Amino acid sequence: MTVLVDSDILIEVSRGRNADIVTKWIDLSNSDAAVLYSPVSVAELWAGARPNEYDALKNLFRALTCTPIDEEAGRQAGDYLRQYRRSHGVEVADALIAASAVGNRAELWTRNRKHYPMKEVSFFD
């Protein structure tokens, strides 16, 4: 199994405030699953990080695998934007994360499923 972790989950994990998510994170970390993140999440977390959180974020990302955003992912994200920007308010960041999940055949772990109306996206429960 491959799981791509969305920014909202990474925020919860890094801050450790939601016991259910942290427990699920530990279980996932102890499994055989490949755990991926998008460079989009790095940008989102880094933009909102406090200086006292920098080291924790660096360590968090070191423990995971970054999936690149290549031309194919960019094209797929563009297709998602064309299809869902007006009807669902999908933004570039979410389109790129969705394209990365689909392109890597990964289940997406997010608390914001409404941001991902794409039928090809499967979710991690």
PDB file of N, CA and C in Angstrom:
ATOM      1  N   MET A   1       0.844  -1.174   0.000  1.00  0.00           N
ATOM      2  CA  MET A   1       0.000   0.000   0.000  1.00  0.00           C
ATOM      3  C   MET A   1       0.892   1.241   0.000  1.00  0.00           C
ATOM      4  N   THR A   2       0.431   2.279  -0.684  1.00  0.00           N
ATOM      5  CA  THR A   2       1.111   3.564  -0.728  1.00  0.00           C
ATOM      6  C   THR A   2       0.116   4.633  -0.292  1.00  0.00           C
ATOM      7  N   VAL A   3       0.571   5.513   0.582  1.00  0.00           N
ATOM      8  CA  VAL A   3      -0.280   6.577   1.111  1.00  0.00           C
ATOM      9  C   VAL A   3       0.417   7.908   0.889  1.00  0.00           C
ATOM     10  N   LEU A   4      -0.309   8.854   0.305  1.00  0.00           N
ATOM     11  CA  LEU A   4       0.184  10.229   0.198  1.00  0.00           C
ATOM     12  C   LEU A   4      -0.522  11.041   1.269  1.00  0.00           C
ATOM     13  N   VAL A   5       0.257  11.688   2.120  1.00  0.00           N
ATOM     14  CA  VAL A   5      -0.284  12.407   3.268  1.00  0.00           C
ATOM     15  C   VAL A   5      -0.466  13.881   2.900  1.00  0.00           C
ATOM     16  N   ASP A   6      -1.669  14.374   3.094  1.00  0.00           N
ATOM     17  CA  ASP A   6      -1.991  15.758   2.768  1.00  0.00           C
ATOM     18  C   ASP A   6      -1.458  16.691   3.859  1.00  0.00           C
ATOM     19  N   SER A   7      -1.387  17.955   3.522  1.00  0.00           N
ATOM     20  CA  SER A   7      -0.833  18.972   4.417  1.00  0.00           C
ATOM     21  C   SER A   7      -1.565  19.040   5.753  1.00  0.00           C
ATOM     22  N   ASP A   8      -2.880  18.920   5.741  1.00  0.00           N
ATOM     23  CA  ASP A   8      -3.634  19.036   6.990  1.00  0.00           C
ATOM     24  C   ASP A   8      -3.265  17.921   7.968  1.00  0.00           C
ATOM     25  N   ILE A   9      -3.006  16.732   7.483  1.00  0.00           N
ATOM     26  CA  ILE A   9      -2.602  15.626   8.346  1.00  0.00           C
ATOM     27  C   ILE A   9      -1.192  15.870   8.871  1.00  0.00           C
ATOM     28  N   LEU A  10      -0.300  16.333   8.004  1.00  0.00           N
ATOM     29  CA  LEU A  10       1.072  16.616   8.431  1.00  0.00           C
ATOM     30  C   LEU A  10       1.108  17.696   9.508  1.00  0.00           C
ATOM     31  N   ILE A  11       0.242  18.679   9.415  1.00  0.00           N
ATOM     32  CA  ILE A  11       0.154  19.710  10.454  1.00  0.00           C
ATOM     33  C   ILE A  11      -0.262  19.084  11.774  1.00  0.00           C
ATOM     34  N   GLU A  12      -1.285  18.244  11.734  1.00  0.00           N
ATOM     35  CA  GLU A  12      -1.751  17.596  12.962  1.00  0.00           C
ATOM     36  C   GLU A  12      -0.666  16.707  13.569  1.00  0.00           C
ATOM     37  N   VAL A  13       0.031  15.971  12.721  1.00  0.00           N
ATOM     38  CA  VAL A  13       1.097  15.086  13.207  1.00  0.00           C
ATOM     39  C   VAL A  13       2.224  15.905  13.827  1.00  0.00           C
ATOM     40  N   SER A  14       2.624  16.982  13.157  1.00  0.00           N
ATOM     41  CA  SER A  14       3.749  17.774  13.661  1.00  0.00           C
ATOM     42  C   SER A  14       3.417  18.467  14.973  1.00  0.00           C
ATOM     43  N   ARG A  15       2.177  18.811  15.169  1.00  0.00           N
ATOM     44  CA  ARG A  15       1.790  19.504  16.408  1.00  0.00           C
ATOM     45  C   ARG A  15       1.313  18.540  17.494  1.00  0.00           C
ATOM     46  N   GLY A  16       0.945  17.330  17.087  1.00  0.00           N
ATOM     47  CA  GLY A  16       0.587  16.290  18.054  1.00  0.00           C
ATOM     48  C   GLY A  16      -0.644  16.566  18.889  1.00  0.00           C
ATOM     49  N   ARG A  17      -1.572  17.348  18.395  1.00  0.00           N
ATOM     50  CA  ARG A  17      -2.750  17.732  19.181  1.00  0.00           C
ATOM     51  C   ARG A  17      -3.936  16.784  19.037  1.00  0.00           C
ATOM     52  N   ASN A  18      -4.016  16.074  17.924  1.00  0.00           N
ATOM     53  CA  ASN A  18      -5.151  15.198  17.665  1.00  0.00           C
ATOM     54  C   ASN A  18      -4.712  13.749  17.912  1.00  0.00           C
ATOM     55  N   ALA A  19      -5.142  13.200  19.030  1.00  0.00           N
ATOM     56  CA  ALA A  19      -4.700  11.860  19.443  1.00  0.00           C
ATOM     57  C   ALA A  19      -5.074  10.795  18.424  1.00  0.00           C
ATOM     58  N   ASP A  20      -6.249  10.901  17.810  1.00  0.00           N
ATOM     59  CA  ASP A  20      -6.673   9.901  16.828  1.00  0.00           C
ATOM     60  C   ASP A  20      -5.749   9.899  15.610  1.00  0.00           C
ATOM     61  N   ILE A  21      -5.411  11.085  15.130  1.00  0.00           N
ATOM     62  CA  ILE A  21      -4.522  11.168  13.968  1.00  0.00           C
ATOM     63  C   ILE A  21      -3.124  10.690  14.330  1.00  0.00           C
ATOM     64  N   VAL A  22      -2.643  11.060  15.496  1.00  0.00           N
ATOM     65  CA  VAL A  22      -1.303  10.622  15.910  1.00  0.00           C
ATOM     66  C   VAL A  22      -1.257   9.105  16.039  1.00  0.00           C
ATOM     67  N   THR A  23      -2.286   8.504  16.606  1.00  0.00           N
ATOM     68  CA  THR A  23      -2.340   7.047  16.728  1.00  0.00           C
ATOM     69  C   THR A  23      -2.355   6.392  15.356  1.00  0.00           C
ATOM     70  N   LYS A  24      -3.162   6.923  14.459  1.00  0.00           N
ATOM     71  CA  LYS A  24      -3.227   6.392  13.091  1.00  0.00           C
ATOM     72  C   LYS A  24      -1.875   6.558  12.387  1.00  0.00           C
ATOM     73  N   TRP A  25      -1.210   7.684  12.638  1.00  0.00           N
ATOM     74  CA  TRP A  25       0.114   7.951  12.077  1.00  0.00           C
ATOM     75  C   TRP A  25       1.120   6.914  12.559  1.00  0.00           C
ATOM     76  N   ILE A  26       1.102   6.619  13.833  1.00  0.00           N
ATOM     77  CA  ILE A  26       2.024   5.627  14.398  1.00  0.00           C
ATOM     78  C   ILE A  26       1.758   4.263  13.783  1.00  0.00           C
ATOM     79  N   ASP A  27       0.490   3.905  13.668  1.00  0.00           N
ATOM     80  CA  ASP A  27       0.142   2.624  13.041  1.00  0.00           C
ATOM     81  C   ASP A  27       0.632   2.566  11.595  1.00  0.00           C
ATOM     82  N   LEU A  28       0.432   3.655  10.854  1.00  0.00           N
ATOM     83  CA  LEU A  28       0.887   3.707   9.466  1.00  0.00           C
ATOM     84  C   LEU A  28       2.411   3.614   9.407  1.00  0.00           C
ATOM     85  N   SER A  29       3.086   4.310  10.294  1.00  0.00           N
ATOM     86  CA  SER A  29       4.550   4.297  10.319  1.00  0.00           C
ATOM     87  C   SER A  29       5.112   2.914  10.624  1.00  0.00           C
ATOM     88  N   ASN A  30       4.377   2.144  11.391  1.00  0.00           N
ATOM     89  CA  ASN A  30       4.820   0.796  11.762  1.00  0.00           C
ATOM     90  C   ASN A  30       4.382  -0.266  10.759  1.00  0.00           C
ATOM     91  N   SER A  31       3.686   0.138   9.725  1.00  0.00           N
ATOM     92  CA  SER A  31       3.225  -0.805   8.708  1.00  0.00           C
ATOM     93  C   SER A  31       4.249  -0.877   7.579  1.00  0.00           C
ATOM     94  N   ASP A  32       3.936  -1.679   6.582  1.00  0.00           N
ATOM     95  CA  ASP A  32       4.801  -1.801   5.406  1.00  0.00           C
ATOM     96  C   ASP A  32       4.473  -0.772   4.322  1.00  0.00           C
ATOM     97  N   ALA A  33       3.562   0.125   4.615  1.00  0.00           N
ATOM     98  CA  ALA A  33       3.124   1.100   3.617  1.00  0.00           C
ATOM     99  C   ALA A  33       4.239   2.084   3.276  1.00  0.00           C
ATOM    100  N   ALA A  34       4.276   2.476   2.010  1.00  0.00           N
ATOM    101  CA  ALA A  34       5.141   3.579   1.595  1.00  0.00           C
ATOM    102  C   ALA A  34       4.370   4.869   1.896  1.00  0.00           C
ATOM    103  N   VAL A  35       5.011   5.794   2.594  1.00  0.00           N
ATOM    104  CA  VAL A  35       4.348   7.040   2.983  1.00  0.00           C
ATOM    105  C   VAL A  35       5.006   8.197   2.223  1.00  0.00           C
ATOM    106  N   LEU A  36       4.198   8.871   1.405  1.00  0.00           N
ATOM    107  CA  LEU A  36       4.671   9.931   0.539  1.00  0.00           C
ATOM    108  C   LEU A  36       4.114  11.282   0.979  1.00  0.00           C
ATOM    109  N   TYR A  37       4.803  12.332   0.553  1.00  0.00           N
ATOM    110  CA  TYR A  37       4.277  13.684   0.688  1.00  0.00           C
ATOM    111  C   TYR A  37       4.617  14.449  -0.580  1.00  0.00           C
ATOM    112  N   SER A  38       3.912  15.539  -0.780  1.00  0.00           N
ATOM    113  CA  SER A  38       4.116  16.375  -1.960  1.00  0.00           C
ATOM    114  C   SER A  38       4.950  17.598  -1.586  1.00  0.00           C
ATOM    115  N   PRO A  39       5.778  18.094  -2.513  1.00  0.00           N
ATOM    116  CA  PRO A  39       6.478  19.355  -2.250  1.00  0.00           C
ATOM    117  C   PRO A  39       5.505  20.510  -1.998  1.00  0.00           C
ATOM    118  N   VAL A  40       4.280  20.369  -2.477  1.00  0.00           N
ATOM    119  CA  VAL A  40       3.254  21.377  -2.189  1.00  0.00           C
ATOM    120  C   VAL A  40       3.030  21.451  -0.682  1.00  0.00           C
ATOM    121  N   SER A  41       3.011  20.302  -0.021  1.00  0.00           N
ATOM    122  CA  SER A  41       2.824  20.287   1.433  1.00  0.00           C
ATOM    123  C   SER A  41       3.991  20.941   2.149  1.00  0.00           C
ATOM    124  N   VAL A  42       5.192  20.739   1.642  1.00  0.00           N
ATOM    125  CA  VAL A  42       6.353  21.406   2.243  1.00  0.00           C
ATOM    126  C   VAL A  42       6.142  22.915   2.188  1.00  0.00           C
ATOM    127  N   ALA A  43       5.752  23.418   1.041  1.00  0.00           N
ATOM    128  CA  ALA A  43       5.530  24.863   0.891  1.00  0.00           C
ATOM    129  C   ALA A  43       4.439  25.348   1.842  1.00  0.00           C
ATOM    130  N   GLU A  44       3.342  24.603   1.933  1.00  0.00           N
ATOM    131  CA  GLU A  44       2.237  25.021   2.791  1.00  0.00           C
ATOM    132  C   GLU A  44       2.635  25.006   4.267  1.00  0.00           C
ATOM    133  N   LEU A  45       3.312  23.950   4.701  1.00  0.00           N
ATOM    134  CA  LEU A  45       3.708  23.869   6.100  1.00  0.00           C
ATOM    135  C   LEU A  45       4.803  24.873   6.433  1.00  0.00           C
ATOM    136  N   TRP A  46       5.763  25.011   5.552  1.00  0.00           N
ATOM    137  CA  TRP A  46       6.873  25.933   5.808  1.00  0.00           C
ATOM    138  C   TRP A  46       6.361  27.379   5.884  1.00  0.00           C
ATOM    139  N   ALA A  47       5.396  27.720   5.034  1.00  0.00           N
ATOM    140  CA  ALA A  47       4.848  29.078   5.026  1.00  0.00           C
ATOM    141  C   ALA A  47       4.162  29.418   6.348  1.00  0.00           C
ATOM    142  N   GLY A  48       3.566  28.417   6.983  1.00  0.00           N
ATOM    143  CA  GLY A  48       2.846  28.671   8.227  1.00  0.00           C
ATOM    144  C   GLY A  48       3.594  28.287   9.485  1.00  0.00           C
ATOM    145  N   ALA A  49       4.824  27.827   9.339  1.00  0.00           N
ATOM    146  CA  ALA A  49       5.579  27.333  10.500  1.00  0.00           C
ATOM    147  C   ALA A  49       6.104  28.473  11.370  1.00  0.00           C
ATOM    148  N   ARG A  50       6.141  28.186  12.637  1.00  0.00           N
ATOM    149  CA  ARG A  50       6.777  29.083  13.597  1.00  0.00           C
ATOM    150  C   ARG A  50       8.231  28.648  13.728  1.00  0.00           C
ATOM    151  N   PRO A  51       9.117  29.577  14.024  1.00  0.00           N
ATOM    152  CA  PRO A  51      10.543  29.207  14.133  1.00  0.00           C
ATOM    153  C   PRO A  51      10.813  28.020  15.063  1.00  0.00           C
ATOM    154  N   ASN A  52      10.048  27.894  16.127  1.00  0.00           N
ATOM    155  CA  ASN A  52      10.270  26.772  17.045  1.00  0.00           C
ATOM    156  C   ASN A  52       9.780  25.441  16.466  1.00  0.00           C
ATOM    157  N   GLU A  53       9.132  25.466  15.294  1.00  0.00           N
ATOM    158  CA  GLU A  53       8.647  24.248  14.653  1.00  0.00           C
ATOM    159  C   GLU A  53       9.552  23.777  13.514  1.00  0.00           C
ATOM    160  N   TYR A  54      10.541  24.572  13.115  1.00  0.00           N
ATOM    161  CA  TYR A  54      11.372  24.244  11.963  1.00  0.00           C
ATOM    162  C   TYR A  54      12.053  22.885  12.083  1.00  0.00           C
ATOM    163  N   ASP A  55      12.675  22.625  13.211  1.00  0.00           N
ATOM    164  CA  ASP A  55      13.386  21.345  13.370  1.00  0.00           C
ATOM    165  C   ASP A  55      12.427  20.157  13.303  1.00  0.00           C
ATOM    166  N   ALA A  56      11.280  20.290  13.945  1.00  0.00           N
ATOM    167  CA  ALA A  56      10.296  19.200  13.927  1.00  0.00           C
ATOM    168  C   ALA A  56       9.822  18.935  12.496  1.00  0.00           C
ATOM    169  N   LEU A  57       9.611  19.986  11.730  1.00  0.00           N
ATOM    170  CA  LEU A  57       9.179  19.804  10.339  1.00  0.00           C
ATOM    171  C   LEU A  57      10.271  19.142   9.510  1.00  0.00           C
ATOM    172  N   LYS A  58      11.491  19.586   9.679  1.00  0.00           N
ATOM    173  CA  LYS A  58      12.598  18.964   8.942  1.00  0.00           C
ATOM    174  C   LYS A  58      12.675  17.475   9.260  1.00  0.00           C
ATOM    175  N   ASN A  59      12.552  17.118  10.522  1.00  0.00           N
ATOM    176  CA  ASN A  59      12.611  15.702  10.920  1.00  0.00           C
ATOM    177  C   ASN A  59      11.418  14.920  10.384  1.00  0.00           C
ATOM    178  N   LEU A  60      10.261  15.532  10.377  1.00  0.00           N
ATOM    179  CA  LEU A  60       9.066  14.876   9.853  1.00  0.00           C
ATOM    180  C   LEU A  60       9.255  14.544   8.376  1.00  0.00           C
ATOM    181  N   PHE A  61       9.686  15.507   7.598  1.00  0.00           N
ATOM    182  CA  PHE A  61       9.858  15.270   6.160  1.00  0.00           C
ATOM    183  C   PHE A  61      10.994  14.292   5.866  1.00  0.00           C
ATOM    184  N   ARG A  62      12.019  14.271   6.700  1.00  0.00           N
ATOM    185  CA  ARG A  62      13.115  13.307   6.505  1.00  0.00           C
ATOM    186  C   ARG A  62      12.634  11.864   6.639  1.00  0.00           C
ATOM    187  N   ALA A  63      11.588  11.657   7.414  1.00  0.00           N
ATOM    188  CA  ALA A  63      11.087  10.305   7.663  1.00  0.00           C
ATOM    189  C   ALA A  63      10.186   9.795   6.540  1.00  0.00           C
ATOM    190  N   LEU A  64       9.873  10.655   5.572  1.00  0.00           N
ATOM    191  CA  LEU A  64       8.942  10.314   4.502  1.00  0.00           C
ATOM    192  C   LEU A  64       9.633  10.401   3.146  1.00  0.00           C
ATOM    193  N   THR A  65       8.896  10.056   2.115  1.00  0.00           N
ATOM    194  CA  THR A  65       9.413  10.127   0.749  1.00  0.00           C
ATOM    195  C   THR A  65       8.677  11.215  -0.015  1.00  0.00           C
ATOM    196  N   CYS A  66       9.446  12.117  -0.596  1.00  0.00           N
ATOM    197  CA  CYS A  66       8.856  13.197  -1.395  1.00  0.00           C
ATOM    198  C   CYS A  66       8.589  12.684  -2.809  1.00  0.00           C
ATOM    199  N   THR A  67       7.379  12.855  -3.261  1.00  0.00           N
ATOM    200  CA  THR A  67       7.036  12.484  -4.621  1.00  0.00           C
ATOM    201  C   THR A  67       7.223  13.706  -5.514  1.00  0.00           C
ATOM    202  N   PRO A  68       7.949  13.585  -6.591  1.00  0.00           N
ATOM    203  CA  PRO A  68       8.183  14.757  -7.437  1.00  0.00           C
ATOM    204  C   PRO A  68       6.922  15.166  -8.201  1.00  0.00           C
ATOM    205  N   ILE A  69       6.885  16.428  -8.530  1.00  0.00           N
ATOM    206  CA  ILE A  69       5.827  16.920  -9.407  1.00  0.00           C
ATOM    207  C   ILE A  69       6.459  17.056 -10.782  1.00  0.00           C
ATOM    208  N   ASP A  70       6.130  16.111 -11.652  1.00  0.00           N
ATOM    209  CA  ASP A  70       6.711  16.117 -12.987  1.00  0.00           C
ATOM    210  C   ASP A  70       5.693  16.658 -13.993  1.00  0.00           C
ATOM    211  N   GLU A  71       6.061  16.612 -15.251  1.00  0.00           N
ATOM    212  CA  GLU A  71       5.195  17.151 -16.302  1.00  0.00           C
ATOM    213  C   GLU A  71       3.843  16.456 -16.337  1.00  0.00           C
ATOM    214  N   GLU A  72       3.851  15.147 -16.189  1.00  0.00           N
ATOM    215  CA  GLU A  72       2.592  14.394 -16.215  1.00  0.00           C
ATOM    216  C   GLU A  72       1.677  14.832 -15.071  1.00  0.00           C
ATOM    217  N   ALA A  73       2.240  14.986 -13.882  1.00  0.00           N
ATOM    218  CA  ALA A  73       1.437  15.451 -12.738  1.00  0.00           C
ATOM    219  C   ALA A  73       0.912  16.856 -13.002  1.00  0.00           C
ATOM    220  N   GLY A  74       1.733  17.698 -13.606  1.00  0.00           N
ATOM    221  CA  GLY A  74       1.288  19.044 -13.937  1.00  0.00           C
ATOM    222  C   GLY A  74       0.131  19.048 -14.922  1.00  0.00           C
ATOM    223  N   ARG A  75       0.217  18.197 -15.933  1.00  0.00           N
ATOM    224  CA  ARG A  75      -0.878  18.088 -16.906  1.00  0.00           C
ATOM    225  C   ARG A  75      -2.154  17.583 -16.242  1.00  0.00           C
ATOM    226  N   GLN A  76      -1.995  16.550 -15.401  1.00  0.00           N
ATOM    227  CA  GLN A  76      -3.167  16.001 -14.712  1.00  0.00           C
ATOM    228  C   GLN A  76      -3.791  17.051 -13.801  1.00  0.00           C
ATOM    229  N   ALA A  77      -2.953  17.789 -13.083  1.00  0.00           N
ATOM    230  CA  ALA A  77      -3.465  18.852 -12.211  1.00  0.00           C
ATOM    231  C   ALA A  77      -4.205  19.908 -13.039  1.00  0.00           C
ATOM    232  N   GLY A  78      -3.671  20.238 -14.197  1.00  0.00           N
ATOM    233  CA  GLY A  78      -4.353  21.188 -15.081  1.00  0.00           C
ATOM    234  C   GLY A  78      -5.720  20.678 -15.521  1.00  0.00           C
ATOM    235  N   ASP A  79      -5.792  19.389 -15.830  1.00  0.00           N
ATOM    236  CA  ASP A  79      -7.091  18.794 -16.179  1.00  0.00           C
ATOM    237  C   ASP A  79      -8.064  18.898 -15.003  1.00  0.00           C
ATOM    238  N   TYR A  80      -7.570  18.610 -13.794  1.00  0.00           N
ATOM    239  CA  TYR A  80      -8.435  18.718 -12.613  1.00  0.00           C
ATOM    240  C   TYR A  80      -8.922  20.144 -12.413  1.00  0.00           C
ATOM    241  N   LEU A  81      -8.035  21.112 -12.614  1.00  0.00           N
ATOM    242  CA  LEU A  81      -8.443  22.510 -12.459  1.00  0.00           C
ATOM    243  C   LEU A  81      -9.512  22.877 -13.479  1.00  0.00           C
ATOM    244  N   ARG A  82      -9.310  22.442 -14.701  1.00  0.00           N
ATOM    245  CA  ARG A  82     -10.293  22.733 -15.749  1.00  0.00           C
ATOM    246  C   ARG A  82     -11.654  22.128 -15.387  1.00  0.00           C
ATOM    247  N   GLN A  83     -11.628  20.926 -14.842  1.00  0.00           N
ATOM    248  CA  GLN A  83     -12.885  20.234 -14.527  1.00  0.00           C
ATOM    249  C   GLN A  83     -13.545  20.729 -13.243  1.00  0.00           C
ATOM    250  N   TYR A  84     -12.758  21.062 -12.220  1.00  0.00           N
ATOM    251  CA  TYR A  84     -13.331  21.243 -10.883  1.00  0.00           C
ATOM    252  C   TYR A  84     -13.116  22.618 -10.241  1.00  0.00           C
ATOM    253  N   ARG A  85     -12.385  23.509 -10.893  1.00  0.00           N
ATOM    254  CA  ARG A  85     -12.128  24.810 -10.261  1.00  0.00           C
ATOM    255  C   ARG A  85     -13.426  25.576 -10.027  1.00  0.00           C
ATOM    256  N   ARG A  86     -14.237  25.690 -11.049  1.00  0.00           N
ATOM    257  CA  ARG A  86     -15.472  26.467 -10.903  1.00  0.00           C
ATOM    258  C   ARG A  86     -16.529  25.742 -10.093  1.00  0.00           C
ATOM    259  N   SER A  87     -16.711  24.463 -10.344  1.00  0.00           N
ATOM    260  CA  SER A  87     -17.799  23.727  -9.687  1.00  0.00           C
ATOM    261  C   SER A  87     -17.501  23.392  -8.228  1.00  0.00           C
ATOM    262  N   HIS A  88     -16.215  23.172  -7.896  1.00  0.00           N
ATOM    263  CA  HIS A  88     -15.865  22.734  -6.550  1.00  0.00           C
ATOM    264  C   HIS A  88     -14.830  23.631  -5.858  1.00  0.00           C
ATOM    265  N   GLY A  89     -14.374  24.654  -6.543  1.00  0.00           N
ATOM    266  CA  GLY A  89     -13.392  25.556  -5.944  1.00  0.00           C
ATOM    267  C   GLY A  89     -12.012  24.945  -5.753  1.00  0.00           C
ATOM    268  N   VAL A  90     -11.679  23.943  -6.561  1.00  0.00           N
ATOM    269  CA  VAL A  90     -10.373  23.294  -6.443  1.00  0.00           C
ATOM    270  C   VAL A  90      -9.283  24.300  -6.800  1.00  0.00           C
ATOM    271  N   GLU A  91      -8.254  24.349  -5.960  1.00  0.00           N
ATOM    272  CA  GLU A  91      -7.128  25.249  -6.161  1.00  0.00           C
ATOM    273  C   GLU A  91      -5.917  24.478  -6.663  1.00  0.00           C
ATOM    274  N   VAL A  92      -4.915  25.209  -7.132  1.00  0.00           N
ATOM    275  CA  VAL A  92      -3.726  24.594  -7.723  1.00  0.00           C
ATOM    276  C   VAL A  92      -3.069  23.597  -6.769  1.00  0.00           C
ATOM    277  N   ALA A  93      -2.897  23.968  -5.516  1.00  0.00           N
ATOM    278  CA  ALA A  93      -2.214  23.081  -4.560  1.00  0.00           C
ATOM    279  C   ALA A  93      -2.927  21.734  -4.452  1.00  0.00           C
ATOM    280  N   ASP A  94      -4.241  21.764  -4.296  1.00  0.00           N
ATOM    281  CA  ASP A  94      -4.992  20.515  -4.159  1.00  0.00           C
ATOM    282  C   ASP A  94      -4.998  19.716  -5.460  1.00  0.00           C
ATOM    283  N   ALA A  95      -5.041  20.404  -6.588  1.00  0.00           N
ATOM    284  CA  ALA A  95      -4.983  19.706  -7.876  1.00  0.00           C
ATOM    285  C   ALA A  95      -3.648  18.982  -8.037  1.00  0.00           C
ATOM    286  N   LEU A  96      -2.561  19.623  -7.638  1.00  0.00           N
ATOM    287  CA  LEU A  96      -1.241  18.987  -7.722  1.00  0.00           C
ATOM    288  C   LEU A  96      -1.125  17.803  -6.763  1.00  0.00           C
ATOM    289  N   ILE A  97      -1.652  17.940  -5.563  1.00  0.00           N
ATOM    290  CA  ILE A  97      -1.611  16.835  -4.603  1.00  0.00           C
ATOM    291  C   ILE A  97      -2.449  15.669  -5.111  1.00  0.00           C
ATOM    292  N   ALA A  98      -3.616  15.953  -5.643  1.00  0.00           N
ATOM    293  CA  ALA A  98      -4.461  14.889  -6.198  1.00  0.00           C
ATOM    294  C   ALA A  98      -3.764  14.190  -7.355  1.00  0.00           C
ATOM    295  N   ALA A  99      -3.156  14.961  -8.239  1.00  0.00           N
ATOM    296  CA  ALA A  99      -2.452  14.371  -9.379  1.00  0.00           C
ATOM    297  C   ALA A  99      -1.289  13.499  -8.911  1.00  0.00           C
ATOM    298  N   SER A 100      -0.600  13.915  -7.873  1.00  0.00           N
ATOM    299  CA  SER A 100       0.502  13.108  -7.327  1.00  0.00           C
ATOM    300  C   SER A 100      -0.020  11.810  -6.726  1.00  0.00           C
ATOM    301  N   ALA A 101      -1.127  11.890  -6.025  1.00  0.00           N
ATOM    302  CA  ALA A 101      -1.702  10.680  -5.436  1.00  0.00           C
ATOM    303  C   ALA A 101      -2.105   9.699  -6.528  1.00  0.00           C
ATOM    304  N   VAL A 102      -2.814  10.185  -7.523  1.00  0.00           N
ATOM    305  CA  VAL A 102      -3.266   9.320  -8.609  1.00  0.00           C
ATOM    306  C   VAL A 102      -2.079   8.762  -9.381  1.00  0.00           C
ATOM    307  N   GLY A 103      -1.125   9.602  -9.700  1.00  0.00           N
ATOM    308  CA  GLY A 103       0.037   9.179 -10.474  1.00  0.00           C
ATOM    309  C   GLY A 103       0.900   8.144  -9.762  1.00  0.00           C
ATOM    310  N   ASN A 104       0.869   8.168  -8.432  1.00  0.00           N
ATOM    311  CA  ASN A 104       1.645   7.207  -7.644  1.00  0.00           C
ATOM    312  C   ASN A 104       0.796   6.045  -7.147  1.00  0.00           C
ATOM    313  N   ARG A 105      -0.444   5.991  -7.614  1.00  0.00           N
ATOM    314  CA  ARG A 105      -1.383   4.952  -7.170  1.00  0.00           C
ATOM    315  C   ARG A 105      -1.442   4.888  -5.645  1.00  0.00           C
ATOM    316  N   ALA A 106      -1.473   6.064  -5.058  1.00  0.00           N
ATOM    317  CA  ALA A 106      -1.485   6.178  -3.604  1.00  0.00           C
ATOM    318  C   ALA A 106      -2.873   6.555  -3.105  1.00  0.00           C
ATOM    319  N   GLU A 107      -3.188   6.073  -1.931  1.00  0.00           N
ATOM    320  CA  GLU A 107      -4.393   6.528  -1.257  1.00  0.00           C
ATOM    321  C   GLU A 107      -4.053   7.863  -0.604  1.00  0.00           C
ATOM    322  N   LEU A 108      -4.965   8.810  -0.666  1.00  0.00           N
ATOM    323  CA  LEU A 108      -4.746  10.132  -0.103  1.00  0.00           C
ATOM    324  C   LEU A 108      -5.313  10.183   1.305  1.00  0.00           C
ATOM    325  N   TRP A 109      -4.457  10.565   2.261  1.00  0.00           N
ATOM    326  CA  TRP A 109      -4.910  10.736   3.641  1.00  0.00           C
ATOM    327  C   TRP A 109      -5.102  12.223   3.881  1.00  0.00           C
ATOM    328  N   THR A 110      -6.343  12.615   4.010  1.00  0.00           N
ATOM    329  CA  THR A 110      -6.707  14.011   4.213  1.00  0.00           C
ATOM    330  C   THR A 110      -7.951  14.097   5.071  1.00  0.00           C
ATOM    331  N   ARG A 111      -8.093  15.209   5.737  1.00  0.00           N
ATOM    332  CA  ARG A 111      -9.332  15.497   6.456  1.00  0.00           C
ATOM    333  C   ARG A 111     -10.241  16.378   5.604  1.00  0.00           C
ATOM    334  N   ASN A 112      -9.748  16.814   4.468  1.00  0.00           N
ATOM    335  CA  ASN A 112     -10.479  17.743   3.601  1.00  0.00           C
ATOM    336  C   ASN A 112     -10.910  17.072   2.302  1.00  0.00           C
ATOM    337  N   ARG A 113     -11.690  16.034   2.403  1.00  0.00           N
ATOM    338  CA  ARG A 113     -12.089  15.287   1.206  1.00  0.00           C
ATOM    339  C   ARG A 113     -12.862  16.131   0.211  1.00  0.00           C
ATOM    340  N   LYS A 114     -13.540  17.158   0.676  1.00  0.00           N
ATOM    341  CA  LYS A 114     -14.296  18.014  -0.248  1.00  0.00           C
ATOM    342  C   LYS A 114     -13.366  18.756  -1.208  1.00  0.00           C
ATOM    343  N   HIS A 115     -12.083  18.883  -0.859  1.00  0.00           N
ATOM    344  CA  HIS A 115     -11.113  19.531  -1.754  1.00  0.00           C
ATOM    345  C   HIS A 115     -10.713  18.622  -2.907  1.00  0.00           C
ATOM    346  N   TYR A 116     -11.113  17.356  -2.847  1.00  0.00           N
ATOM    347  CA  TYR A 116     -10.674  16.357  -3.827  1.00  0.00           C
ATOM    348  C   TYR A 116     -11.867  15.617  -4.428  1.00  0.00           C
ATOM    349  N   PRO A 117     -12.648  16.295  -5.282  1.00  0.00           N
ATOM    350  CA  PRO A 117     -13.826  15.654  -5.870  1.00  0.00           C
ATOM    351  C   PRO A 117     -13.489  14.707  -7.034  1.00  0.00           C
ATOM    352  N   MET A 118     -12.216  14.575  -7.355  1.00  0.00           N
ATOM    353  CA  MET A 118     -11.808  13.775  -8.510  1.00  0.00           C
ATOM    354  C   MET A 118     -12.150  12.302  -8.280  1.00  0.00           C
ATOM    355  N   LYS A 119     -12.822  11.698  -9.248  1.00  0.00           N
ATOM    356  CA  LYS A 119     -13.259  10.306  -9.069  1.00  0.00           C
ATOM    357  C   LYS A 119     -12.091   9.332  -9.000  1.00  0.00           C
ATOM    358  N   GLU A 120     -10.931   9.720  -9.537  1.00  0.00           N
ATOM    359  CA  GLU A 120      -9.768   8.823  -9.548  1.00  0.00           C
ATOM    360  C   GLU A 120      -9.062   8.769  -8.185  1.00  0.00           C
ATOM    361  N   VAL A 121      -9.340   9.725  -7.320  1.00  0.00           N
ATOM    362  CA  VAL A 121      -8.673   9.783  -6.006  1.00  0.00           C
ATOM    363  C   VAL A 121      -9.313   8.766  -5.071  1.00  0.00           C
ATOM    364  N   SER A 122      -8.484   7.923  -4.483  1.00  0.00           N
ATOM    365  CA  SER A 122      -8.968   7.024  -3.434  1.00  0.00           C
ATOM    366  C   SER A 122      -8.385   7.500  -2.108  1.00  0.00           C
ATOM    367  N   PHE A 123      -9.158   7.303  -1.062  1.00  0.00           N
ATOM    368  CA  PHE A 123      -8.785   7.861   0.237  1.00  0.00           C
ATOM    369  C   PHE A 123      -8.341   6.797   1.219  1.00  0.00           C
ATOM    370  N   PHE A 124      -7.412   7.189   2.058  1.00  0.00           N
ATOM    371  CA  PHE A 124      -6.922   6.355   3.145  1.00  0.00           C
ATOM    372  C   PHE A 124      -7.826   6.588   4.341  1.00  0.00           C
ATOM    373  N   ASP A 125      -8.309   5.514   4.914  1.00  0.00           N
ATOM    374  CA  ASP A 125      -9.198   5.627   6.083  1.00  0.00           C
ATOM    375  C   ASP A 125      -8.488   5.289   7.354  1.00  0.00           C
TER     376      ASP A 125
END
